[in-house]
C-alpha atoms as a PDB file:
ATOM      1  CA  MET A   1       0.000   0.000   0.000  1.00  0.00           C
ATOM      2  CA  SER A   2       1.052   3.570  -0.607  1.00  0.00           C
ATOM      3  CA  GLU A   3       2.710   5.749   2.028  1.00  0.00           C
ATOM      4  CA  ILE A   4       1.904   8.839  -0.014  1.00  0.00           C
ATOM      5  CA  LYS A   5      -0.074  11.508   1.798  1.00  0.00           C
ATOM      6  CA  THR A   6       0.124  14.517  -0.514  1.00  0.00           C
ATOM      7  CA  ILE A   7      -0.193  14.583  -4.298  1.00  0.00           C
ATOM      8  CA  GLY A   8       0.876  17.444  -6.550  1.00  0.00           C
ATOM      9  CA  VAL A   9      -0.764  17.919  -9.950  1.00  0.00           C
ATOM     10  CA  LEU A  10       0.399  20.060 -12.861  1.00  0.00           C
ATOM     11  CA  THR A  11      -0.312  20.578 -16.551  1.00  0.00           C
ATOM     12  CA  SER A  12       2.645  21.032 -18.860  1.00  0.00           C
ATOM     13  CA  GLY A  13       3.413  21.674 -22.521  1.00  0.00           C
ATOM     14  CA  GLY A  14       0.702  22.667 -24.972  1.00  0.00           C
ATOM     15  CA  ASP A  15      -2.792  23.041 -23.537  1.00  0.00           C
ATOM     16  CA  ALA A  16      -5.489  20.603 -24.641  1.00  0.00           C
ATOM     17  CA  PRO A  17      -9.263  20.510 -24.118  1.00  0.00           C
ATOM     18  CA  GLY A  18      -9.992  18.088 -21.302  1.00  0.00           C
ATOM     19  CA  MET A  19      -6.989  18.978 -19.159  1.00  0.00           C
ATOM     20  CA  ASN A  20      -9.324  20.649 -16.669  1.00  0.00           C
ATOM     21  CA  ALA A  21     -11.468  17.516 -16.512  1.00  0.00           C
ATOM     22  CA  ALA A  22      -8.327  15.503 -15.721  1.00  0.00           C
ATOM     23  CA  VAL A  23      -7.266  17.966 -12.993  1.00  0.00           C
ATOM     24  CA  ARG A  24     -10.768  17.803 -11.527  1.00  0.00           C
ATOM     25  CA  ALA A  25     -10.672  13.995 -11.478  1.00  0.00           C
ATOM     26  CA  VAL A  26      -7.241  13.915  -9.805  1.00  0.00           C
ATOM     27  CA  VAL A  27      -8.344  16.362  -7.108  1.00  0.00           C
ATOM     28  CA  ARG A  28     -11.715  14.810  -6.333  1.00  0.00           C
ATOM     29  CA  THR A  29     -10.506  11.203  -6.498  1.00  0.00           C
ATOM     30  CA  GLY A  30      -7.490  12.118  -4.378  1.00  0.00           C
ATOM     31  CA  ILE A  31      -9.645  13.749  -1.712  1.00  0.00           C
ATOM     32  CA  TYR A  32     -12.067  10.804  -1.813  1.00  0.00           C
ATOM     33  CA  TYR A  33      -9.198   8.437  -0.944  1.00  0.00           C
ATOM     34  CA  GLY A  34      -7.847  10.690   1.792  1.00  0.00           C
ATOM     35  CA  PHE A  35      -4.982  12.417   0.000  1.00  0.00           C
ATOM     36  CA  LYS A  36      -4.141  16.077   0.242  1.00  0.00           C
ATOM     37  CA  VAL A  37      -3.894  17.511  -3.284  1.00  0.00           C
ATOM     38  CA  LEU A  38      -1.817  20.539  -4.238  1.00  0.00           C
ATOM     39  CA  GLY A  39      -2.150  22.320  -7.569  1.00  0.00           C
ATOM     40  CA  ILE A  40       1.041  23.555  -9.232  1.00  0.00           C
ATOM     41  CA  ARG A  41       0.525  26.464 -11.601  1.00  0.00           C
ATOM     42  CA  LYS A  42       2.481  26.961 -14.853  1.00  0.00           C
ATOM     43  CA  GLY A  43       3.941  23.463 -15.105  1.00  0.00           C
ATOM     44  CA  TYR A  44       7.509  22.721 -14.107  1.00  0.00           C
ATOM     45  CA  ALA A  45       8.277  26.449 -14.050  1.00  0.00           C
ATOM     46  CA  GLY A  46       5.682  26.820 -11.301  1.00  0.00           C
ATOM     47  CA  LEU A  47       7.173  23.886  -9.418  1.00  0.00           C
ATOM     48  CA  LEU A  48      10.577  25.585  -9.422  1.00  0.00           C
ATOM     49  CA  SER A  49       9.121  28.914  -8.287  1.00  0.00           C
ATOM     50  CA  GLY A  50       6.848  27.360  -5.650  1.00  0.00           C
ATOM     51  CA  ASP A  51       3.631  28.562  -7.301  1.00  0.00           C
ATOM     52  CA  ILE A  52       1.638  25.954  -5.405  1.00  0.00           C
ATOM     53  CA  GLU A  53      -1.587  25.892  -3.401  1.00  0.00           C
ATOM     54  CA  GLU A  54      -3.949  23.328  -1.933  1.00  0.00           C
ATOM     55  CA  MET A  55      -6.927  22.340  -4.061  1.00  0.00           C
ATOM     56  CA  THR A  56     -10.337  21.490  -2.647  1.00  0.00           C
ATOM     57  CA  LEU A  57     -13.548  19.962  -3.941  1.00  0.00           C
ATOM     58  CA  ARG A  58     -14.841  23.477  -4.510  1.00  0.00           C
ATOM     59  CA  SER A  59     -11.734  24.722  -6.322  1.00  0.00           C
ATOM     60  CA  VAL A  60     -12.403  22.297  -9.192  1.00  0.00           C
ATOM     61  CA  GLY A  61     -16.130  23.012  -9.354  1.00  0.00           C
ATOM     62  CA  ASP A  62     -17.608  24.459 -12.575  1.00  0.00           C
ATOM     63  CA  LEU A  63     -14.497  23.284 -14.409  1.00  0.00           C
ATOM     64  CA  ILE A  64     -15.203  20.156 -16.443  1.00  0.00           C
ATOM     65  CA  HIS A  65     -16.669  22.056 -19.398  1.00  0.00           C
ATOM     66  CA  ARG A  66     -13.857  24.591 -19.707  1.00  0.00           C
ATOM     67  CA  GLY A  67     -11.086  24.412 -22.297  1.00  0.00           C
ATOM     68  CA  GLY A  68      -7.462  25.292 -21.651  1.00  0.00           C
ATOM     69  CA  THR A  69      -6.038  24.563 -18.202  1.00  0.00           C
ATOM     70  CA  VAL A  70      -6.972  26.326 -14.975  1.00  0.00           C
ATOM     71  CA  LEU A  71      -3.486  25.486 -13.673  1.00  0.00           C
ATOM     72  CA  GLN A  72      -1.947  27.163 -16.746  1.00  0.00           C
ATOM     73  CA  THR A  73       1.174  25.898 -18.456  1.00  0.00           C
ATOM     74  CA  ALA A  74       4.641  27.162 -19.342  1.00  0.00           C
ATOM     75  CA  ARG A  75       8.014  26.044 -20.662  1.00  0.00           C
ATOM     76  CA  SER A  76      11.027  25.808 -18.343  1.00  0.00           C
ATOM     77  CA  SER A  77      14.578  25.654 -19.682  1.00  0.00           C
ATOM     78  CA  GLU A  78      15.878  25.469 -16.108  1.00  0.00           C
ATOM     79  CA  PHE A  79      13.992  22.234 -15.482  1.00  0.00           C
ATOM     80  CA  ASN A  80      15.768  20.650 -18.451  1.00  0.00           C
ATOM     81  CA  THR A  81      18.972  20.609 -16.395  1.00  0.00           C
ATOM     82  CA  GLU A  82      19.932  18.153 -13.651  1.00  0.00           C
ATOM     83  CA  ALA A  83      20.224  21.044 -11.208  1.00  0.00           C
ATOM     84  CA  GLY A  84      16.708  22.159 -12.148  1.00  0.00           C
ATOM     85  CA  VAL A  85      15.285  18.683 -11.542  1.00  0.00           C
ATOM     86  CA  LYS A  86      16.941  18.492  -8.121  1.00  0.00           C
ATOM     87  CA  LYS A  87      15.610  21.956  -7.282  1.00  0.00           C
ATOM     88  CA  GLY A  88      12.131  20.779  -8.290  1.00  0.00           C
ATOM     89  CA  ILE A  89      12.376  17.856  -5.873  1.00  0.00           C
ATOM     90  CA  THR A  90      13.565  20.168  -3.103  1.00  0.00           C
ATOM     91  CA  ILE A  91      10.610  22.513  -3.641  1.00  0.00           C
ATOM     92  CA  ALA A  92       8.220  19.551  -3.706  1.00  0.00           C
ATOM     93  CA  GLU A  93       9.639  18.367  -0.375  1.00  0.00           C
ATOM     94  CA  VAL A  94       9.260  21.854   1.108  1.00  0.00           C
ATOM     95  CA  PHE A  95       5.539  21.694   0.309  1.00  0.00           C
ATOM     96  CA  GLY A  96       5.293  18.107   1.526  1.00  0.00           C
ATOM     97  CA  ILE A  97       4.490  16.695  -1.913  1.00  0.00           C
ATOM     98  CA  ASP A  98       5.127  12.938  -2.016  1.00  0.00           C
ATOM     99  CA  ALA A  99       4.135  12.268  -5.640  1.00  0.00           C
ATOM    100  CA  LEU A 100       3.423  14.254  -8.785  1.00  0.00           C
ATOM    101  CA  VAL A 101       0.723  13.720 -11.396  1.00  0.00           C
ATOM    102  CA  VAL A 102       1.854  15.250 -14.703  1.00  0.00           C
ATOM    103  CA  ILE A 103      -0.761  15.967 -17.383  1.00  0.00           C
ATOM    104  CA  GLY A 104       0.773  16.662 -20.784  1.00  0.00           C
ATOM    105  CA  GLY A 105       2.675  15.229 -23.732  1.00  0.00           C
ATOM    106  CA  ASP A 106       5.977  13.503 -24.443  1.00  0.00           C
ATOM    107  CA  GLY A 107       8.128  16.443 -23.327  1.00  0.00           C
ATOM    108  CA  SER A 108       6.248  16.649 -20.048  1.00  0.00           C
ATOM    109  CA  PHE A 109       6.711  12.897 -19.560  1.00  0.00           C
ATOM    110  CA  ARG A 110      10.451  13.242 -20.038  1.00  0.00           C
ATOM    111  CA  GLY A 111      10.485  15.782 -17.233  1.00  0.00           C
ATOM    112  CA  ALA A 112       8.574  13.317 -15.071  1.00  0.00           C
ATOM    113  CA  ARG A 113      11.082  10.592 -15.928  1.00  0.00           C
ATOM    114  CA  ASP A 114      13.919  12.892 -14.871  1.00  0.00           C
ATOM    115  CA  LEU A 115      12.188  13.294 -11.512  1.00  0.00           C
ATOM    116  CA  SER A 116      11.612   9.557 -11.185  1.00  0.00           C
ATOM    117  CA  SER A 117      15.272   8.834 -11.964  1.00  0.00           C
ATOM    118  CA  GLN A 118      16.103  10.904  -8.864  1.00  0.00           C
ATOM    119  CA  GLY A 119      13.762   8.770  -6.746  1.00  0.00           C
ATOM    120  CA  PHE A 120      10.677  11.015  -6.866  1.00  0.00           C
ATOM    121  CA  THR A 121       7.336   9.327  -7.600  1.00  0.00           C
ATOM    122  CA  THR A 122       5.490  10.432 -10.734  1.00  0.00           C
ATOM    123  CA  ILE A 123       2.397   9.394 -12.687  1.00  0.00           C
ATOM    124  CA  CYS A 124       1.748  10.742 -16.206  1.00  0.00           C
ATOM    125  CA  ILE A 125      -1.551  11.364 -17.994  1.00  0.00           C
ATOM    126  CA  PRO A 126      -1.438  11.828 -21.807  1.00  0.00           C
ATOM    127  CA  ALA A 127      -2.993  15.110 -22.959  1.00  0.00           C
ATOM    128  CA  THR A 128      -2.165  16.610 -26.334  1.00  0.00           C
ATOM    129  CA  ILE A 129      -4.319  17.403 -29.351  1.00  0.00           C
ATOM    130  CA  ASP A 130      -1.730  15.774 -31.650  1.00  0.00           C
ATOM    131  CA  ASN A 131      -2.461  12.234 -30.343  1.00  0.00           C
ATOM    132  CA  ASP A 132       1.225  11.455 -30.879  1.00  0.00           C
ATOM    133  CA  ILE A 133       2.172   9.641 -27.659  1.00  0.00           C
ATOM    134  CA  ALA A 134       3.265   6.133 -28.628  1.00  0.00           C
ATOM    135  CA  SER A 135       2.231   4.360 -25.440  1.00  0.00           C
ATOM    136  CA  THR A 136      -1.456   5.208 -25.809  1.00  0.00           C
ATOM    137  CA  GLU A 137      -3.927   4.971 -28.658  1.00  0.00           C
ATOM    138  CA  TYR A 138      -5.672   8.133 -27.467  1.00  0.00           C
ATOM    139  CA  THR A 139      -4.612  11.394 -25.823  1.00  0.00           C
ATOM    140  CA  ILE A 140      -6.920  13.865 -24.086  1.00  0.00           C
ATOM    141  CA  GLY A 141      -7.916  16.733 -26.385  1.00  0.00           C
ATOM    142  CA  PHE A 142      -7.666  14.925 -29.726  1.00  0.00           C
ATOM    143  CA  ASP A 143     -11.406  14.447 -30.270  1.00  0.00           C
ATOM    144  CA  THR A 144     -12.210  18.076 -29.459  1.00  0.00           C
ATOM    145  CA  ALA A 145      -9.506  19.305 -31.834  1.00  0.00           C
ATOM    146  CA  LEU A 146     -10.853  17.082 -34.611  1.00  0.00           C
ATOM    147  CA  ASN A 147     -14.352  18.464 -34.136  1.00  0.00           C
ATOM    148  CA  THR A 148     -13.034  22.044 -34.161  1.00  0.00           C
ATOM    149  CA  VAL A 149     -11.238  21.418 -37.453  1.00  0.00           C
ATOM    150  CA  GLN A 150     -14.235  19.633 -38.954  1.00  0.00           C
ATOM    151  CA  ASP A 151     -16.465  22.587 -38.113  1.00  0.00           C
ATOM    152  CA  ALA A 152     -14.012  24.880 -39.914  1.00  0.00           C
ATOM    153  CA  ILE A 153     -13.896  22.550 -42.933  1.00  0.00           C
ATOM    154  CA  ASP A 154     -17.680  22.546 -43.228  1.00  0.00           C
ATOM    155  CA  LYS A 155     -17.738  26.353 -43.234  1.00  0.00           C
ATOM    156  CA  ILE A 156     -14.838  26.653 -45.684  1.00  0.00           C
ATOM    157  CA  ARG A 157     -16.493  24.113 -47.981  1.00  0.00           C
ATOM    158  CA  ASP A 158     -19.617  26.290 -48.208  1.00  0.00           C
ATOM    159  CA  THR A 159     -17.705  29.232 -49.621  1.00  0.00           C
ATOM    160  CA  ALA A 160     -15.424  27.028 -51.751  1.00  0.00           C
ATOM    161  CA  TYR A 161     -18.483  25.533 -53.428  1.00  0.00           C
ATOM    162  CA  SER A 162     -20.089  28.940 -53.931  1.00  0.00           C
ATOM    163  CA  HIS A 163     -17.009  30.261 -55.754  1.00  0.00           C
ATOM    164  CA  GLU A 164     -15.797  26.984 -57.332  1.00  0.00           C
ATOM    165  CA  ARG A 165     -12.552  27.213 -55.407  1.00  0.00           C
ATOM    166  CA  CYS A 166      -9.897  24.949 -53.992  1.00  0.00           C
ATOM    167  CA  SER A 167      -9.176  25.346 -50.274  1.00  0.00           C
ATOM    168  CA  VAL A 168      -5.827  24.469 -48.724  1.00  0.00           C
ATOM    169  CA  LEU A 169      -6.229  24.032 -44.972  1.00  0.00           C
ATOM    170  CA  GLU A 170      -3.218  23.835 -42.651  1.00  0.00           C
ATOM    171  CA  VAL A 171      -3.914  22.058 -39.356  1.00  0.00           C
ATOM    172  CA  MET A 172      -1.757  21.447 -36.297  1.00  0.00           C
ATOM    173  CA  GLY A 173       0.741  18.607 -36.126  1.00  0.00           C
ATOM    174  CA  ARG A 174       4.421  19.508 -36.351  1.00  0.00           C
ATOM    175  CA  LYS A 175       5.713  15.938 -36.255  1.00  0.00           C
ATOM    176  CA  ALA A 176       2.474  13.971 -36.398  1.00  0.00           C
ATOM    177  CA  GLY A 177      -0.252  13.900 -39.016  1.00  0.00           C
ATOM    178  CA  TYR A 178      -3.071  12.331 -36.993  1.00  0.00           C
ATOM    179  CA  ILE A 179      -5.279  15.436 -37.033  1.00  0.00           C
ATOM    180  CA  ALA A 180      -4.658  15.966 -40.743  1.00  0.00           C
ATOM    181  CA  LEU A 181      -5.359  12.361 -41.726  1.00  0.00           C
ATOM    182  CA  ASN A 182      -8.540  12.031 -39.699  1.00  0.00           C
ATOM    183  CA  VAL A 183     -10.090  15.301 -40.861  1.00  0.00           C
ATOM    184  CA  ALA A 184      -9.095  14.541 -44.453  1.00  0.00           C
ATOM    185  CA  ILE A 185     -11.259  11.431 -44.278  1.00  0.00           C
ATOM    186  CA  SER A 186     -14.107  13.083 -42.370  1.00  0.00           C
ATOM    187  CA  GLY A 187     -13.996  16.173 -44.592  1.00  0.00           C
ATOM    188  CA  GLY A 188     -13.740  14.410 -47.957  1.00  0.00           C
ATOM    189  CA  ALA A 189     -10.400  15.950 -48.915  1.00  0.00           C
ATOM    190  CA  GLU A 190      -8.867  15.367 -52.348  1.00  0.00           C
ATOM    191  CA  ALA A 191      -5.413  15.171 -50.787  1.00  0.00           C
ATOM    192  CA  VAL A 192      -3.694  15.121 -47.402  1.00  0.00           C
ATOM    193  CA  ILE A 193      -0.011  15.885 -46.815  1.00  0.00           C
ATOM    194  CA  LEU A 194       1.580  14.419 -43.666  1.00  0.00           C
ATOM    195  CA  PRO A 195       4.961  14.910 -41.935  1.00  0.00           C
ATOM    196  CA  GLU A 196       5.430  11.128 -41.872  1.00  0.00           C
ATOM    197  CA  LYS A 197       5.073  10.695 -45.639  1.00  0.00           C
ATOM    198  CA  GLU A 198       7.144  12.041 -48.506  1.00  0.00           C
ATOM    199  CA  PHE A 199       5.025  13.689 -51.172  1.00  0.00           C
ATOM    200  CA  ASP A 200       5.196  14.903 -54.732  1.00  0.00           C
ATOM    201  CA  ILE A 201       2.999  17.971 -55.237  1.00  0.00           C
ATOM    202  CA  ASP A 202       2.089  17.152 -58.847  1.00  0.00           C
ATOM    203  CA  ARG A 203       1.271  13.508 -58.170  1.00  0.00           C
ATOM    204  CA  ASP A 204      -0.340  13.851 -54.739  1.00  0.00           C
ATOM    205  CA  ILE A 205      -2.168  17.194 -55.072  1.00  0.00           C
ATOM    206  CA  ILE A 206      -2.444  18.465 -58.633  1.00  0.00           C
ATOM    207  CA  LYS A 207      -3.367  15.121 -60.208  1.00  0.00           C
ATOM    208  CA  PRO A 208      -6.349  14.305 -57.911  1.00  0.00           C
ATOM    209  CA  ILE A 209      -7.658  17.881 -58.234  1.00  0.00           C
ATOM    210  CA  ILE A 210      -7.578  17.738 -62.041  1.00  0.00           C
ATOM    211  CA  GLU A 211      -9.147  14.265 -62.020  1.00  0.00           C
ATOM    212  CA  GLY A 212     -11.899  15.602 -59.778  1.00  0.00           C
ATOM    213  CA  ARG A 213     -12.513  18.554 -62.105  1.00  0.00           C
ATOM    214  CA  ASN A 214     -12.764  16.170 -65.051  1.00  0.00           C
ATOM    215  CA  ARG A 215     -15.503  14.307 -63.189  1.00  0.00           C
ATOM    216  CA  GLY A 216     -17.427  17.544 -62.719  1.00  0.00           C
ATOM    217  CA  LYS A 217     -16.383  18.580 -59.234  1.00  0.00           C
ATOM    218  CA  LYS A 218     -16.870  22.252 -58.370  1.00  0.00           C
ATOM    219  CA  HIS A 219     -14.778  22.575 -55.199  1.00  0.00           C
ATOM    220  CA  TYR A 220     -11.677  20.928 -53.739  1.00  0.00           C
ATOM    221  CA  LEU A 221     -10.039  20.481 -50.338  1.00  0.00           C
ATOM    222  CA  VAL A 222      -6.383  19.856 -49.524  1.00  0.00           C
ATOM    223  CA  ILE A 223      -5.284  19.235 -45.916  1.00  0.00           C
ATOM    224  CA  ILE A 224      -1.708  20.073 -44.880  1.00  0.00           C
ATOM    225  CA  ALA A 225      -0.162  19.251 -41.499  1.00  0.00           C
ATOM    226  CA  GLU A 226       1.820  22.174 -40.072  1.00  0.00           C
ATOM    227  CA  GLY A 227       4.934  19.985 -39.917  1.00  0.00           C
ATOM    228  CA  VAL A 228       4.916  20.083 -43.709  1.00  0.00           C
ATOM    229  CA  GLY A 229       3.838  23.727 -43.848  1.00  0.00           C
ATOM    230  CA  GLY A 230       3.804  25.941 -46.889  1.00  0.00           C
ATOM    231  CA  ALA A 231       0.017  26.149 -47.250  1.00  0.00           C
ATOM    232  CA  VAL A 232       0.185  29.589 -48.892  1.00  0.00           C
ATOM    233  CA  GLU A 233       2.868  28.505 -51.353  1.00  0.00           C
ATOM    234  CA  ILE A 234       1.029  25.275 -52.160  1.00  0.00           C
ATOM    235  CA  ALA A 235      -2.177  27.236 -52.774  1.00  0.00           C
ATOM    236  CA  LYS A 236      -0.348  29.515 -55.236  1.00  0.00           C
ATOM    237  CA  TYR A 237       1.123  26.498 -57.014  1.00  0.00           C
ATOM    238  CA  ILE A 238      -2.289  24.825 -57.341  1.00  0.00           C
ATOM    239  CA  GLU A 239      -3.779  27.971 -58.854  1.00  0.00           C
ATOM    240  CA  GLU A 240      -0.894  28.356 -61.312  1.00  0.00           C
ATOM    241  CA  LYS A 241      -1.102  24.735 -62.433  1.00  0.00           C
ATOM    242  CA  THR A 242      -4.886  24.337 -62.623  1.00  0.00           C
ATOM    243  CA  ASP A 243      -6.321  27.853 -63.093  1.00  0.00           C
ATOM    244  CA  ILE A 244      -8.629  27.028 -60.163  1.00  0.00           C
ATOM    245  CA  LYS A 245      -8.951  29.894 -57.683  1.00  0.00           C
ATOM    246  CA  THR A 246      -7.259  28.631 -54.532  1.00  0.00           C
ATOM    247  CA  ARG A 247      -7.195  30.024 -50.994  1.00  0.00           C
ATOM    248  CA  ALA A 248      -5.074  28.974 -48.011  1.00  0.00           C
ATOM    249  CA  THR A 249      -6.356  28.909 -44.437  1.00  0.00           C
ATOM    250  CA  ILE A 250      -4.121  28.301 -41.405  1.00  0.00           C
ATOM    251  CA  LEU A 251      -6.268  27.385 -38.422  1.00  0.00           C
ATOM    252  CA  GLY A 252      -3.567  27.778 -35.783  1.00  0.00           C
ATOM    253  CA  HIS A 253      -4.334  27.791 -32.076  1.00  0.00           C
ATOM    254  CA  ILE A 254      -8.099  27.758 -32.474  1.00  0.00           C
ATOM    255  CA  GLN A 255      -7.596  23.981 -32.553  1.00  0.00           C
ATOM    256  CA  ARG A 256      -6.389  23.928 -28.952  1.00  0.00           C
ATOM    257  CA  GLY A 257      -9.282  25.838 -27.452  1.00  0.00           C
ATOM    258  CA  GLY A 258     -12.951  25.285 -26.841  1.00  0.00           C
ATOM    259  CA  SER A 259     -15.144  23.256 -24.539  1.00  0.00           C
ATOM    260  CA  PRO A 260     -14.087  19.580 -24.569  1.00  0.00           C
ATOM    261  CA  THR A 261     -16.326  16.987 -26.170  1.00  0.00           C
ATOM    262  CA  VAL A 262     -18.111  14.340 -24.128  1.00  0.00           C
ATOM    263  CA  TYR A 263     -15.468  11.807 -25.165  1.00  0.00           C
ATOM    264  CA  ASP A 264     -12.618  14.006 -23.935  1.00  0.00           C
ATOM    265  CA  ARG A 265     -14.411  14.806 -20.663  1.00  0.00           C
ATOM    266  CA  VAL A 266     -15.077  11.142 -19.917  1.00  0.00           C
ATOM    267  CA  THR A 267     -11.616   9.956 -20.992  1.00  0.00           C
ATOM    268  CA  ALA A 268      -9.903  12.675 -18.957  1.00  0.00           C
ATOM    269  CA  SER A 269     -12.032  11.847 -15.933  1.00  0.00           C
ATOM    270  CA  CYS A 270     -11.244   8.131 -16.186  1.00  0.00           C
ATOM    271  CA  MET A 271      -7.516   8.737 -16.670  1.00  0.00           C
ATOM    272  CA  GLY A 272      -7.335  11.223 -13.800  1.00  0.00           C
ATOM    273  CA  ALA A 273      -9.055   8.848 -11.405  1.00  0.00           C
ATOM    274  CA  TYR A 274      -6.896   5.951 -12.617  1.00  0.00           C
ATOM    275  CA  ALA A 275      -3.716   7.944 -11.906  1.00  0.00           C
ATOM    276  CA  VAL A 276      -4.750   8.486  -8.280  1.00  0.00           C
ATOM    277  CA  LYS A 277      -5.663   4.808  -7.880  1.00  0.00           C
ATOM    278  CA  LEU A 278      -2.183   3.871  -9.083  1.00  0.00           C
ATOM    279  CA  LEU A 279      -0.691   5.984  -6.288  1.00  0.00           C
ATOM    280  CA  LYS A 280      -3.172   4.575  -3.783  1.00  0.00           C
ATOM    281  CA  ASN A 281      -2.060   1.062  -4.687  1.00  0.00           C
ATOM    282  CA  GLY A 282       1.615   1.871  -4.337  1.00  0.00           C
ATOM    283  CA  SER A 283       2.507   2.117  -8.040  1.00  0.00           C
ATOM    284  CA  LYS A 284       5.030   4.713  -9.129  1.00  0.00           C
ATOM    285  CA  ASN A 285       6.602   6.084 -12.285  1.00  0.00           C
ATOM    286  CA  ARG A 286       3.790   4.988 -14.595  1.00  0.00           C
ATOM    287  CA  VAL A 287       2.196   6.430 -17.723  1.00  0.00           C
ATOM    288  CA  VAL A 288      -1.582   6.103 -17.939  1.00  0.00           C
ATOM    289  CA  SER A 289      -2.591   4.706 -21.304  1.00  0.00           C
ATOM    290  CA  MET A 290      -5.528   3.576 -23.406  1.00  0.00           C
ATOM    291  CA  GLN A 291      -5.207   0.265 -25.221  1.00  0.00           C
ATOM    292  CA  ASN A 292      -8.136  -1.197 -27.175  1.00  0.00           C
ATOM    293  CA  GLY A 293     -10.412   1.302 -25.451  1.00  0.00           C
ATOM    294  CA  ILE A 294      -9.355   0.205 -21.943  1.00  0.00           C
ATOM    295  CA  ILE A 295      -7.430   2.396 -19.467  1.00  0.00           C
ATOM    296  CA  THR A 296      -4.157   0.758 -18.424  1.00  0.00           C
ATOM    297  CA  ASP A 297      -0.574   1.843 -17.658  1.00  0.00           C
ATOM    298  CA  PHE A 298       3.078   1.348 -18.569  1.00  0.00           C
ATOM    299  CA  ASP A 299       6.413   1.904 -16.878  1.00  0.00           C
ATOM    300  CA  ILE A 300       7.572   5.395 -17.789  1.00  0.00           C
ATOM    301  CA  ASP A 301      10.834   4.224 -19.376  1.00  0.00           C
ATOM    302  CA  GLU A 302       9.012   1.623 -21.445  1.00  0.00           C
ATOM    303  CA  ALA A 303       6.393   4.166 -22.498  1.00  0.00           C
ATOM    304  CA  LEU A 304       8.967   6.700 -23.670  1.00  0.00           C
ATOM    305  CA  SER A 305      10.883   4.055 -25.648  1.00  0.00           C
ATOM    306  CA  MET A 306       7.832   3.194 -27.770  1.00  0.00           C
ATOM    307  CA  LYS A 307       7.430   4.445 -31.344  1.00  0.00           C
ATOM    308  CA  LYS A 308       4.186   5.459 -33.033  1.00  0.00           C
ATOM    309  CA  THR A 309       3.629   5.270 -36.775  1.00  0.00           C
ATOM    310  CA  ILE A 310       0.900   6.577 -39.025  1.00  0.00           C
ATOM    311  CA  ASP A 311      -1.847   4.101 -39.942  1.00  0.00           C
ATOM    312  CA  GLU A 312      -1.101   3.144 -43.555  1.00  0.00           C
ATOM    313  CA  GLU A 313      -4.568   1.656 -43.989  1.00  0.00           C
ATOM    314  CA  MET A 314      -6.110   5.043 -43.179  1.00  0.00           C
ATOM    315  CA  VAL A 315      -3.764   6.747 -45.637  1.00  0.00           C
ATOM    316  CA  GLU A 316      -4.876   4.299 -48.313  1.00  0.00           C
ATOM    317  CA  LEU A 317      -8.534   4.728 -47.314  1.00  0.00           C
ATOM    318  CA  ASN A 318      -8.319   8.482 -47.864  1.00  0.00           C
ATOM    319  CA  LYS A 319      -6.945   7.906 -51.368  1.00  0.00           C
ATOM    320  CA  ILE A 320      -9.781   5.483 -52.151  1.00  0.00           C
ATOM    321  CA  LEU A 321     -12.509   7.750 -50.812  1.00  0.00           C
ATOM    322  CA  ALA A 322     -11.078  10.783 -52.598  1.00  0.00           C
ATOM    323  CA  LEU A 323     -11.624   9.182 -56.036  1.00  0.00           C
END
């Protein structure tokens, strides 16, 4: 059984819808099992500066529906050093924190692993709109981001049809194309360009657009992941090659905001509660995960050694459905 009495919780890295639901679940489940729960503002930077206060049942009320993170988030170059990690542990000990629940992405998990390598107990919860953490099939915030992008696609399609245009839409995903691939399928895109796949602009974009025009299509959609970039330049190239009026739209940080979907609220709540139960049962240095729709966990070193690849069947499906 666990000897932990006080749990710290922080959100780190990029914000994602559902982070607040996860914080709420950690706090309320922790209090239910008799833990004291302290909230750490602004991620690891807040840990180093001691920006910490006790959280109560009331302090996480009226929170589950809110996007962003009530604990805020920030980057910390100091925490990337061994001295910074040791300082973080010292501050945690000053506040009586016995274990830390970290809600974030791969970079946040690496910070947690640095703490665990110094003997400090950590539990990680995956939250990033990119859905690019290898140890889990789903990360908190992904579904909400997809729905935000799909709403934008539906609106852009209306005006593209009205003017017989091609729309080039750049979505988030610097190193991972999961948002781009999913919304390409759900939005009926002619082409999708991913960071994981090499592409030829004439073969992969121009050719399907021209083939669509020859079949009588009146509007076209191309999805670009930000890791590939160049949406404006690609739009100009399409217009030059096809004489189809083409406009580029870069959605940017609108994809990170907004009220989380039911799926993200429920998943975040389940993962947050699971993290506390791990601590209650004496587990340490684990990454909460979803596998085949079931919440489970992995050792943090094992989790960070895993690799995630794009689903080739989905890539092929988009090509088939774009015919």
